[in-house]
Amino acid sequence: MSNETSSRGPGRPAKVISYPDGIFTVESLFGANASAACKLTVRKNVKRDAKAGILVVLKSVEKTGKAGRPSVRYSTKASYDARCAANAAARAATGAAKAAVTPTEVTA
């Protein structure tokens, strides 16, 4: 018996859930990890990682087309930060382009 202790305790080892780059829902995540876990495991891991800051809960939701609650959308923190930086660069470029326009060009 080894002296290493597990914070999880005895029992089955934890399932590893892989997150895609970009935006995803729990249902799409379950489709990508169907062989690795059940829906409850996927939901539990998403909730835990969102609370830990690994995942970002987006403000927009995805309509399911059925009665009931819409699906919450998630993104990994790294993907979210990259998207925000790209959007900020695009806004800065657009602002520079608008500043380059002179009043005579606007009236013409």
Protein backbone atom coordinates (compact mmCIF):
# COMPACT_ATOMS: atom_id res chain seq x y z
CA MET A 1 0.00 0.00 0.00
CA SER A 2 1.41 3.38 -0.92
CA ASN A 3 1.53 6.43 1.30
CA GLU A 4 -0.08 8.65 -1.35
CA THR A 5 -3.51 9.94 -0.39
CA SER A 6 -6.29 10.87 -2.74
CA SER A 7 -8.49 13.84 -2.02
CA ARG A 8 -11.32 12.00 -3.76
CA GLY A 9 -11.35 8.97 -1.45
CA PRO A 10 -11.98 5.35 -2.28
CA GLY A 11 -14.02 4.31 -5.27
CA ARG A 12 -13.99 4.68 -8.99
CA PRO A 13 -11.47 7.16 -10.49
CA ALA A 14 -12.81 10.50 -11.74
CA LYS A 15 -13.83 10.79 -15.39
CA VAL A 16 -11.89 13.27 -17.50
CA ILE A 17 -14.09 15.61 -19.54
CA SER A 18 -12.46 17.40 -22.48
CA TYR A 19 -13.76 20.86 -23.36
CA PRO A 20 -13.83 22.07 -26.99
CA ASP A 21 -12.43 25.41 -28.12
CA GLY A 22 -15.18 27.94 -28.58
CA ILE A 23 -18.74 28.08 -27.30
CA PHE A 24 -20.62 24.96 -26.22
CA THR A 25 -23.62 23.77 -24.24
CA VAL A 26 -23.84 20.85 -21.82
CA GLU A 27 -25.74 18.81 -24.43
CA SER A 28 -23.06 19.34 -27.10
CA LEU A 29 -20.38 18.56 -24.51
CA PHE A 30 -22.12 15.32 -23.63
CA GLY A 31 -22.22 14.40 -27.33
CA ALA A 32 -18.45 14.91 -27.56
CA ASN A 33 -17.77 12.93 -24.35
CA ALA A 34 -20.55 10.33 -24.57
CA SER A 35 -18.23 7.34 -24.25
CA ALA A 36 -16.44 8.83 -21.24
CA ALA A 37 -19.28 9.89 -18.98
CA CYS A 38 -22.98 10.09 -18.27
CA LYS A 39 -25.00 13.32 -18.42
CA LEU A 40 -24.88 13.81 -14.67
CA THR A 41 -21.08 13.58 -14.64
CA VAL A 42 -20.81 16.13 -17.45
CA ARG A 43 -23.18 18.55 -15.71
CA LYS A 44 -21.37 18.14 -12.37
CA ASN A 45 -17.94 18.77 -13.95
CA VAL A 46 -19.20 21.82 -15.86
CA LYS A 47 -20.74 23.29 -12.71
CA ARG A 48 -17.55 22.64 -10.70
CA ASP A 49 -15.26 24.11 -13.39
CA ALA A 50 -17.48 27.17 -13.87
CA LYS A 51 -17.30 27.83 -10.13
CA ALA A 52 -13.51 27.37 -10.19
CA GLY A 53 -13.09 29.84 -13.08
CA ILE A 54 -11.94 27.33 -15.70
CA LEU A 55 -15.16 27.88 -17.66
CA VAL A 56 -17.00 31.13 -18.33
CA VAL A 57 -20.81 31.21 -18.29
CA LEU A 58 -21.89 33.39 -21.22
CA LYS A 59 -24.78 35.83 -20.96
CA SER A 60 -26.40 34.62 -24.17
CA VAL A 61 -28.46 31.42 -24.19
CA GLU A 62 -29.24 28.93 -26.95
CA LYS A 63 -32.90 28.29 -27.70
CA THR A 64 -33.67 24.60 -27.85
CA GLY A 65 -36.78 24.86 -30.04
CA LYS A 66 -38.79 22.97 -27.44
CA ALA A 67 -40.82 23.97 -24.42
CA GLY A 68 -38.75 24.64 -21.34
CA ARG A 69 -35.58 26.41 -20.36
CA PRO A 70 -33.06 27.51 -22.98
CA SER A 71 -29.58 25.97 -22.86
CA VAL A 72 -26.85 27.90 -21.07
CA ARG A 73 -23.72 28.46 -23.16
CA TYR A 74 -20.19 28.05 -21.82
CA SER A 75 -16.68 28.77 -23.04
CA THR A 76 -13.25 27.95 -21.68
CA LYS A 77 -11.51 30.89 -20.01
CA ALA A 78 -8.61 30.84 -22.52
CA SER A 79 -10.98 30.82 -25.50
CA TYR A 80 -13.11 33.58 -23.97
CA ASP A 81 -10.06 35.79 -23.31
CA ALA A 82 -8.78 35.25 -26.88
CA ARG A 83 -12.20 36.19 -28.31
CA CYS A 84 -12.36 39.32 -26.14
CA ALA A 85 -8.86 40.39 -27.24
CA ALA A 86 -9.76 39.87 -30.90
CA ASN A 87 -12.96 41.91 -30.49
CA ALA A 88 -11.05 44.72 -28.74
CA ALA A 89 -8.48 44.80 -31.56
CA ALA A 90 -11.26 44.94 -34.15
CA ARG A 91 -12.97 47.80 -32.28
CA ALA A 92 -9.66 49.68 -32.07
CA ALA A 93 -9.06 49.22 -35.80
CA THR A 94 -12.59 50.40 -36.58
CA GLY A 95 -12.13 53.43 -34.34
CA ALA A 96 -8.85 54.30 -36.08
CA ALA A 97 -10.54 53.98 -39.48
CA LYS A 98 -13.38 56.27 -38.38
CA ALA A 99 -10.88 58.84 -37.07
CA ALA A 100 -9.08 58.82 -40.43
CA VAL A 101 -12.23 59.94 -42.28
CA THR A 102 -12.31 63.71 -42.77
CA PRO A 103 -15.53 65.75 -42.71
CA THR A 104 -15.24 66.51 -46.46
CA GLU A 105 -15.21 62.77 -47.24
CA VAL A 106 -18.37 62.24 -45.25
CA THR A 107 -20.39 64.88 -47.13
CA ALA A 108 -19.21 63.76 -50.57
